[in-house]
Amino acid sequence: MLSIEKQLSAITMAVILIANPATTIAAENSWHCDGATNIDDDEIKARAPNRAMVRVLQEYRDRWDAQHMRAQCEAFVKGEPHEISCLNGRRNWDEIEAMVPEEVWELPRSAVRPIYLALQEEDSGASAALAYCRDVGAIE
């Protein structure tokens, strides 16, 4: 039988999910997201002037994610405050946007295509960040 605290916690979570079905849920000690997937896609579309820049922002989002995940796992190792959970709705889009070189924003769409193709070929750092997080025990 579940303790009163666990029962109340389960009831509270159920109420939150019913009240907000678009809520994104993450497994404990994981970067995995379940639920709404378009939260940050809407943010990208609002910031990008065209489809090519959407793809550029997606690539820089992946790089920001990798840096953020690594930083959170480093904080875990140091015993500092950290949060390991789904990043949807929690990303710092001003930082992500600032990662894109200024001159790229001014290019026509056709000139941006080779840039995002090159970004796709580069390592975003996500695999290394996840491996580090697993190695230090921050995630499974």
N, C-alpha and C. Protein backbone atom coordinates (compact mmCIF):
# COMPACT_ATOMS: atom_id res chain seq x y z
N MET A 1 0.84 -1.18 0.00
CA MET A 1 0.00 0.00 0.00
C MET A 1 0.89 1.25 0.00
N LEU A 2 0.49 2.25 -0.77
CA LEU A 2 1.25 3.50 -0.86
C LEU A 2 1.03 4.36 0.38
N SER A 3 2.10 5.06 0.77
CA SER A 3 1.98 5.98 1.89
C SER A 3 1.07 7.14 1.49
N ILE A 4 0.58 7.85 2.49
CA ILE A 4 -0.29 9.00 2.24
C ILE A 4 0.42 10.02 1.36
N GLU A 5 1.73 10.26 1.64
CA GLU A 5 2.48 11.24 0.86
C GLU A 5 2.55 10.85 -0.60
N LYS A 6 2.82 9.56 -0.87
CA LYS A 6 2.90 9.09 -2.25
C LYS A 6 1.55 9.15 -2.93
N GLN A 7 0.48 8.83 -2.19
CA GLN A 7 -0.86 8.91 -2.76
C GLN A 7 -1.19 10.34 -3.12
N LEU A 8 -0.88 11.28 -2.21
CA LEU A 8 -1.14 12.69 -2.49
C LEU A 8 -0.30 13.18 -3.66
N SER A 9 0.94 12.74 -3.74
CA SER A 9 1.80 13.12 -4.85
C SER A 9 1.24 12.62 -6.17
N ALA A 10 0.78 11.37 -6.20
CA ALA A 10 0.20 10.80 -7.42
C ALA A 10 -1.08 11.54 -7.80
N ILE A 11 -1.90 11.88 -6.82
CA ILE A 11 -3.13 12.61 -7.09
C ILE A 11 -2.81 14.01 -7.62
N THR A 12 -1.84 14.67 -7.00
CA THR A 12 -1.43 16.00 -7.45
C THR A 12 -0.95 15.96 -8.89
N MET A 13 -0.11 14.98 -9.24
CA MET A 13 0.39 14.85 -10.60
C MET A 13 -0.75 14.60 -11.58
N ALA A 14 -1.71 13.78 -11.20
CA ALA A 14 -2.85 13.50 -12.07
C ALA A 14 -3.67 14.77 -12.31
N VAL A 15 -3.88 15.56 -11.26
CA VAL A 15 -4.62 16.81 -11.40
C VAL A 15 -3.88 17.77 -12.33
N ILE A 16 -2.57 17.86 -12.19
CA ILE A 16 -1.77 18.74 -13.06
C ILE A 16 -1.90 18.29 -14.51
N LEU A 17 -1.80 16.99 -14.76
CA LEU A 17 -1.89 16.49 -16.12
C LEU A 17 -3.27 16.71 -16.72
N ILE A 18 -4.31 16.54 -15.91
CA ILE A 18 -5.67 16.76 -16.41
C ILE A 18 -5.88 18.24 -16.71
N ALA A 19 -5.37 19.10 -15.84
CA ALA A 19 -5.55 20.54 -16.01
C ALA A 19 -4.75 21.08 -17.19
N ASN A 20 -3.61 20.45 -17.50
CA ASN A 20 -2.75 20.93 -18.57
C ASN A 20 -2.25 19.74 -19.39
N PRO A 21 -3.07 19.23 -20.32
CA PRO A 21 -2.67 18.03 -21.06
C PRO A 21 -1.48 18.23 -21.95
N ALA A 22 -1.07 19.46 -22.25
CA ALA A 22 0.09 19.70 -23.11
C ALA A 22 1.39 19.71 -22.31
N THR A 23 1.30 19.47 -21.01
CA THR A 23 2.49 19.45 -20.17
C THR A 23 3.47 18.42 -20.68
N THR A 24 4.73 18.76 -20.69
CA THR A 24 5.77 17.82 -21.06
C THR A 24 6.29 17.17 -19.80
N ILE A 25 6.37 15.84 -19.83
CA ILE A 25 6.80 15.08 -18.66
C ILE A 25 8.14 14.45 -18.96
N ALA A 26 9.01 14.44 -18.00
CA ALA A 26 10.31 13.79 -18.15
C ALA A 26 10.43 12.67 -17.14
N ALA A 27 11.08 11.62 -17.57
CA ALA A 27 11.39 10.56 -16.63
C ALA A 27 12.41 11.08 -15.63
N GLU A 28 12.35 10.58 -14.39
CA GLU A 28 13.29 11.03 -13.37
C GLU A 28 14.72 10.72 -13.80
N ASN A 29 15.63 11.65 -13.56
CA ASN A 29 17.04 11.50 -13.93
C ASN A 29 17.20 11.18 -15.41
N SER A 30 16.54 11.94 -16.24
CA SER A 30 16.59 11.72 -17.68
C SER A 30 16.35 13.03 -18.40
N TRP A 31 16.86 13.12 -19.61
CA TRP A 31 16.58 14.29 -20.46
C TRP A 31 15.42 13.99 -21.39
N HIS A 32 14.87 12.77 -21.31
CA HIS A 32 13.80 12.32 -22.20
C HIS A 32 12.51 13.09 -21.93
N CYS A 33 11.79 13.42 -22.99
CA CYS A 33 10.52 14.12 -22.88
C CYS A 33 9.39 13.26 -23.41
N ASP A 34 8.28 13.26 -22.72
CA ASP A 34 7.05 12.66 -23.20
C ASP A 34 6.03 13.78 -23.28
N GLY A 35 5.05 13.62 -24.12
CA GLY A 35 3.99 14.61 -24.18
C GLY A 35 4.20 15.58 -25.32
N ALA A 36 3.85 16.84 -25.09
CA ALA A 36 3.89 17.87 -26.12
C ALA A 36 5.29 17.99 -26.71
N THR A 37 5.36 18.01 -28.02
CA THR A 37 6.66 18.10 -28.68
C THR A 37 6.85 19.39 -29.45
N ASN A 38 5.80 20.17 -29.62
CA ASN A 38 5.90 21.37 -30.45
C ASN A 38 6.18 22.64 -29.65
N ILE A 39 6.41 22.51 -28.36
CA ILE A 39 6.62 23.69 -27.52
C ILE A 39 7.75 24.54 -28.07
N ASP A 40 8.91 23.94 -28.26
CA ASP A 40 10.05 24.71 -28.73
C ASP A 40 10.06 24.89 -30.24
N ASP A 41 9.35 24.05 -30.97
CA ASP A 41 9.22 24.26 -32.41
C ASP A 41 8.50 25.58 -32.68
N ASP A 42 7.50 25.89 -31.87
CA ASP A 42 6.79 27.16 -32.01
C ASP A 42 7.73 28.34 -31.73
N GLU A 43 8.61 28.17 -30.76
CA GLU A 43 9.58 29.22 -30.43
C GLU A 43 10.54 29.44 -31.60
N ILE A 44 11.01 28.36 -32.19
CA ILE A 44 11.92 28.46 -33.34
C ILE A 44 11.23 29.18 -34.49
N LYS A 45 10.02 28.77 -34.80
CA LYS A 45 9.29 29.38 -35.92
C LYS A 45 9.04 30.86 -35.69
N ALA A 46 8.83 31.25 -34.45
CA ALA A 46 8.60 32.66 -34.15
C ALA A 46 9.87 33.49 -34.34
N ARG A 47 11.03 32.88 -34.16
CA ARG A 47 12.30 33.60 -34.25
C ARG A 47 12.93 33.54 -35.63
N ALA A 48 12.62 32.52 -36.40
CA ALA A 48 13.28 32.31 -37.69
C ALA A 48 12.49 32.98 -38.82
N PRO A 49 13.18 33.76 -39.64
CA PRO A 49 12.48 34.44 -40.74
C PRO A 49 12.16 33.52 -41.92
N ASN A 50 12.79 32.34 -41.99
CA ASN A 50 12.51 31.43 -43.10
C ASN A 50 12.89 30.00 -42.70
N ARG A 51 12.59 29.04 -43.58
CA ARG A 51 12.80 27.62 -43.27
C ARG A 51 14.29 27.31 -43.06
N ALA A 52 15.15 27.95 -43.81
CA ALA A 52 16.59 27.70 -43.64
C ALA A 52 17.04 28.12 -42.25
N MET A 53 16.56 29.24 -41.76
CA MET A 53 16.93 29.68 -40.42
C MET A 53 16.29 28.81 -39.34
N VAL A 54 15.14 28.22 -39.63
CA VAL A 54 14.56 27.24 -38.70
C VAL A 54 15.56 26.13 -38.47
N ARG A 55 16.14 25.63 -39.56
CA ARG A 55 17.10 24.53 -39.45
C ARG A 55 18.38 24.97 -38.74
N VAL A 56 18.82 26.19 -38.99
CA VAL A 56 20.01 26.70 -38.29
C VAL A 56 19.73 26.76 -36.79
N LEU A 57 18.58 27.30 -36.41
CA LEU A 57 18.23 27.39 -34.99
C LEU A 57 18.09 26.01 -34.37
N GLN A 58 17.58 25.04 -35.11
CA GLN A 58 17.49 23.68 -34.58
C GLN A 58 18.89 23.13 -34.28
N GLU A 59 19.85 23.42 -35.16
CA GLU A 59 21.22 22.95 -34.94
C GLU A 59 21.84 23.62 -33.72
N TYR A 60 21.63 24.93 -33.58
CA TYR A 60 22.17 25.62 -32.42
C TYR A 60 21.43 25.23 -31.13
N ARG A 61 20.15 24.89 -31.24
CA ARG A 61 19.42 24.36 -30.08
C ARG A 61 20.10 23.07 -29.59
N ASP A 62 20.46 22.21 -30.54
CA ASP A 62 21.13 20.95 -30.16
C ASP A 62 22.45 21.22 -29.45
N ARG A 63 23.18 22.24 -29.89
CA ARG A 63 24.45 22.59 -29.26
C ARG A 63 24.22 23.18 -27.86
N TRP A 64 23.20 24.03 -27.75
CA TRP A 64 22.86 24.59 -26.44
C TRP A 64 22.44 23.47 -25.49
N ASP A 65 21.62 22.56 -25.99
CA ASP A 65 21.19 21.43 -25.16
C ASP A 65 22.39 20.67 -24.62
N ALA A 66 23.35 20.38 -25.50
CA ALA A 66 24.53 19.62 -25.09
C ALA A 66 25.31 20.37 -24.00
N GLN A 67 25.50 21.67 -24.18
CA GLN A 67 26.21 22.47 -23.19
C GLN A 67 25.45 22.50 -21.87
N HIS A 68 24.14 22.65 -21.96
CA HIS A 68 23.31 22.71 -20.76
C HIS A 68 23.32 21.37 -20.02
N MET A 69 23.17 20.28 -20.76
CA MET A 69 23.17 18.97 -20.13
C MET A 69 24.50 18.72 -19.42
N ARG A 70 25.59 19.05 -20.09
CA ARG A 70 26.92 18.86 -19.48
C ARG A 70 27.04 19.69 -18.20
N ALA A 71 26.61 20.94 -18.27
CA ALA A 71 26.70 21.83 -17.10
C ALA A 71 25.85 21.29 -15.94
N GLN A 72 24.67 20.78 -16.22
CA GLN A 72 23.82 20.25 -15.16
C GLN A 72 24.44 19.00 -14.53
N CYS A 73 25.05 18.16 -15.36
CA CYS A 73 25.69 16.95 -14.83
C CYS A 73 26.96 17.30 -14.06
N GLU A 74 27.66 18.34 -14.47
CA GLU A 74 28.82 18.81 -13.70
C GLU A 74 28.37 19.32 -12.33
N ALA A 75 27.24 20.04 -12.30
CA ALA A 75 26.70 20.52 -11.03
C ALA A 75 26.30 19.34 -10.15
N PHE A 76 25.73 18.30 -10.76
CA PHE A 76 25.38 17.08 -10.03
C PHE A 76 26.61 16.50 -9.34
N VAL A 77 27.72 16.41 -10.08
CA VAL A 77 28.96 15.84 -9.54
C VAL A 77 29.46 16.67 -8.36
N LYS A 78 29.35 17.98 -8.46
CA LYS A 78 29.85 18.88 -7.42
C LYS A 78 28.88 19.00 -6.24
N GLY A 79 27.71 18.39 -6.36
CA GLY A 79 26.72 18.50 -5.29
C GLY A 79 26.02 19.84 -5.29
N GLU A 80 26.08 20.54 -6.39
CA GLU A 80 25.44 21.85 -6.53
C GLU A 80 24.02 21.67 -7.07
N PRO A 81 23.19 22.70 -6.94
CA PRO A 81 21.84 22.61 -7.49
C PRO A 81 21.90 22.32 -9.00
N HIS A 82 21.04 21.43 -9.44
CA HIS A 82 20.99 21.04 -10.85
C HIS A 82 19.57 20.57 -11.17
N GLU A 83 19.26 20.52 -12.44
CA GLU A 83 17.96 20.00 -12.86
C GLU A 83 18.16 19.15 -14.09
N ILE A 84 17.87 17.89 -13.95
CA ILE A 84 17.98 16.95 -15.05
C ILE A 84 16.57 16.52 -15.40
N SER A 85 16.04 17.13 -16.44
CA SER A 85 14.68 16.82 -16.88
C SER A 85 14.49 17.35 -18.29
N CYS A 86 13.35 17.07 -18.85
CA CYS A 86 13.03 17.49 -20.21
C CYS A 86 13.32 18.98 -20.40
N LEU A 87 13.92 19.32 -21.53
CA LEU A 87 14.27 20.71 -21.78
C LEU A 87 13.17 21.49 -22.51
N ASN A 88 12.17 20.81 -23.03
CA ASN A 88 11.10 21.51 -23.73
C ASN A 88 10.47 22.55 -22.82
N GLY A 89 10.41 23.77 -23.31
CA GLY A 89 9.83 24.85 -22.54
C GLY A 89 10.77 25.47 -21.52
N ARG A 90 12.00 24.96 -21.42
CA ARG A 90 12.96 25.46 -20.44
C ARG A 90 14.23 26.02 -21.08
N ARG A 91 14.32 25.96 -22.37
CA ARG A 91 15.54 26.43 -23.04
C ARG A 91 15.63 27.95 -22.99
N ASN A 92 16.85 28.46 -23.00
CA ASN A 92 17.06 29.90 -23.05
C ASN A 92 17.22 30.29 -24.52
N TRP A 93 16.12 30.70 -25.11
CA TRP A 93 16.12 30.98 -26.55
C TRP A 93 16.91 32.23 -26.91
N ASP A 94 17.04 33.16 -25.99
CA ASP A 94 17.89 34.32 -26.27
C ASP A 94 19.34 33.88 -26.41
N GLU A 95 19.78 32.96 -25.54
CA GLU A 95 21.15 32.43 -25.65
C GLU A 95 21.34 31.64 -26.94
N ILE A 96 20.35 30.84 -27.27
CA ILE A 96 20.45 30.03 -28.49
C ILE A 96 20.52 30.94 -29.71
N GLU A 97 19.66 31.91 -29.75
CA GLU A 97 19.66 32.85 -30.88
C GLU A 97 21.00 33.59 -30.97
N ALA A 98 21.57 33.93 -29.83
CA ALA A 98 22.85 34.65 -29.81
C ALA A 98 24.01 33.78 -30.28
N MET A 99 23.85 32.46 -30.26
CA MET A 99 24.90 31.56 -30.75
C MET A 99 25.05 31.64 -32.27
N VAL A 100 23.99 32.03 -32.95
CA VAL A 100 24.02 32.13 -34.41
C VAL A 100 24.81 33.39 -34.78
N PRO A 101 25.85 33.23 -35.61
CA PRO A 101 26.62 34.42 -36.01
C PRO A 101 25.72 35.50 -36.63
N GLU A 102 25.98 36.72 -36.24
CA GLU A 102 25.16 37.87 -36.67
C GLU A 102 24.96 37.91 -38.19
N GLU A 103 26.03 37.65 -38.93
CA GLU A 103 25.93 37.76 -40.40
C GLU A 103 25.00 36.71 -41.02
N VAL A 104 24.78 35.60 -40.34
CA VAL A 104 23.90 34.56 -40.87
C VAL A 104 22.46 35.06 -40.92
N TRP A 105 22.08 35.86 -39.94
CA TRP A 105 20.71 36.39 -39.90
C TRP A 105 20.41 37.27 -41.11
N GLU A 106 21.44 37.87 -41.67
CA GLU A 106 21.25 38.83 -42.77
C GLU A 106 21.31 38.18 -44.15
N LEU A 107 21.67 36.91 -44.22
CA LEU A 107 21.82 36.22 -45.51
C LEU A 107 20.47 35.82 -46.09
N PRO A 108 20.41 35.78 -47.44
CA PRO A 108 19.19 35.24 -48.05
C PRO A 108 19.10 33.74 -47.78
N ARG A 109 17.89 33.21 -47.85
CA ARG A 109 17.65 31.80 -47.55
C ARG A 109 18.57 30.87 -48.32
N SER A 110 18.79 31.15 -49.59
CA SER A 110 19.64 30.28 -50.41
C SER A 110 21.08 30.24 -49.91
N ALA A 111 21.55 31.31 -49.31
CA ALA A 111 22.92 31.36 -48.78
C ALA A 111 23.02 30.68 -47.41
N VAL A 112 21.89 30.51 -46.74
CA VAL A 112 21.88 29.89 -45.41
C VAL A 112 21.93 28.36 -45.53
N ARG A 113 21.42 27.83 -46.62
CA ARG A 113 21.36 26.37 -46.78
C ARG A 113 22.72 25.69 -46.58
N PRO A 114 23.79 26.15 -47.23
CA PRO A 114 25.08 25.49 -47.00
C PRO A 114 25.55 25.58 -45.55
N ILE A 115 25.12 26.62 -44.86
CA ILE A 115 25.52 26.78 -43.46
C ILE A 115 24.86 25.72 -42.60
N TYR A 116 23.55 25.51 -42.75
CA TYR A 116 22.92 24.50 -41.91
C TYR A 116 23.33 23.10 -42.33
N LEU A 117 23.66 22.88 -43.61
CA LEU A 117 24.17 21.57 -44.02
C LEU A 117 25.52 21.29 -43.36
N ALA A 118 26.36 22.32 -43.28
CA ALA A 118 27.65 22.17 -42.61
C ALA A 118 27.45 21.92 -41.11
N LEU A 119 26.50 22.62 -40.50
CA LEU A 119 26.21 22.42 -39.08
C LEU A 119 25.74 21.00 -38.82
N GLN A 120 24.95 20.45 -39.74
CA GLN A 120 24.46 19.09 -39.58
C GLN A 120 25.61 18.08 -39.61
N GLU A 121 26.65 18.39 -40.31
CA GLU A 121 27.81 17.50 -40.40
C GLU A 121 28.68 17.56 -39.15
N GLU A 122 28.63 18.67 -38.44
CA GLU A 122 29.44 18.85 -37.23
C GLU A 122 28.84 18.08 -36.05
N ASP A 123 29.66 17.80 -35.09
CA ASP A 123 29.22 17.16 -33.86
C ASP A 123 28.63 18.22 -32.94
N SER A 124 27.39 18.02 -32.53
CA SER A 124 26.73 18.98 -31.64
C SER A 124 27.23 18.87 -30.20
N GLY A 125 27.84 17.76 -29.88
CA GLY A 125 28.31 17.53 -28.53
C GLY A 125 27.30 16.79 -27.66
N ALA A 126 26.13 16.50 -28.21
CA ALA A 126 25.08 15.86 -27.41
C ALA A 126 25.48 14.46 -26.96
N SER A 127 26.05 13.68 -27.84
CA SER A 127 26.44 12.31 -27.47
C SER A 127 27.48 12.31 -26.36
N ALA A 128 28.45 13.21 -26.47
CA ALA A 128 29.48 13.31 -25.43
C ALA A 128 28.89 13.78 -24.10
N ALA A 129 27.95 14.72 -24.16
CA ALA A 129 27.31 15.20 -22.93
C ALA A 129 26.52 14.08 -22.27
N LEU A 130 25.77 13.33 -23.05
CA LEU A 130 25.01 12.21 -22.50
C LEU A 130 25.93 11.14 -21.92
N ALA A 131 27.01 10.85 -22.61
CA ALA A 131 27.98 9.85 -22.11
C ALA A 131 28.56 10.31 -20.79
N TYR A 132 28.92 11.59 -20.69
CA TYR A 132 29.46 12.13 -19.44
C TYR A 132 28.42 12.00 -18.32
N CYS A 133 27.17 12.35 -18.62
CA CYS A 133 26.12 12.28 -17.60
C CYS A 133 25.92 10.84 -17.12
N ARG A 134 26.00 9.89 -18.04
CA ARG A 134 25.88 8.49 -17.64
C ARG A 134 27.10 8.07 -16.81
N ASP A 135 28.28 8.47 -17.25
CA ASP A 135 29.52 8.08 -16.55
C ASP A 135 29.55 8.56 -15.10
N VAL A 136 29.00 9.74 -14.85
CA VAL A 136 29.03 10.28 -13.49
C VAL A 136 27.81 9.86 -12.67
N GLY A 137 26.90 9.12 -13.29
CA GLY A 137 25.73 8.63 -12.57
C GLY A 137 24.57 9.60 -12.47
N ALA A 138 24.62 10.69 -13.24
CA ALA A 138 23.54 11.67 -13.18
C ALA A 138 22.29 11.16 -13.91
N ILE A 139 22.48 10.33 -14.92
CA ILE A 139 21.37 9.71 -15.65
C ILE A 139 21.67 8.23 -15.82
N GLU A 140 20.66 7.49 -16.16
CA GLU A 140 20.83 6.05 -16.40
C GLU A 140 21.11 5.79 -17.87
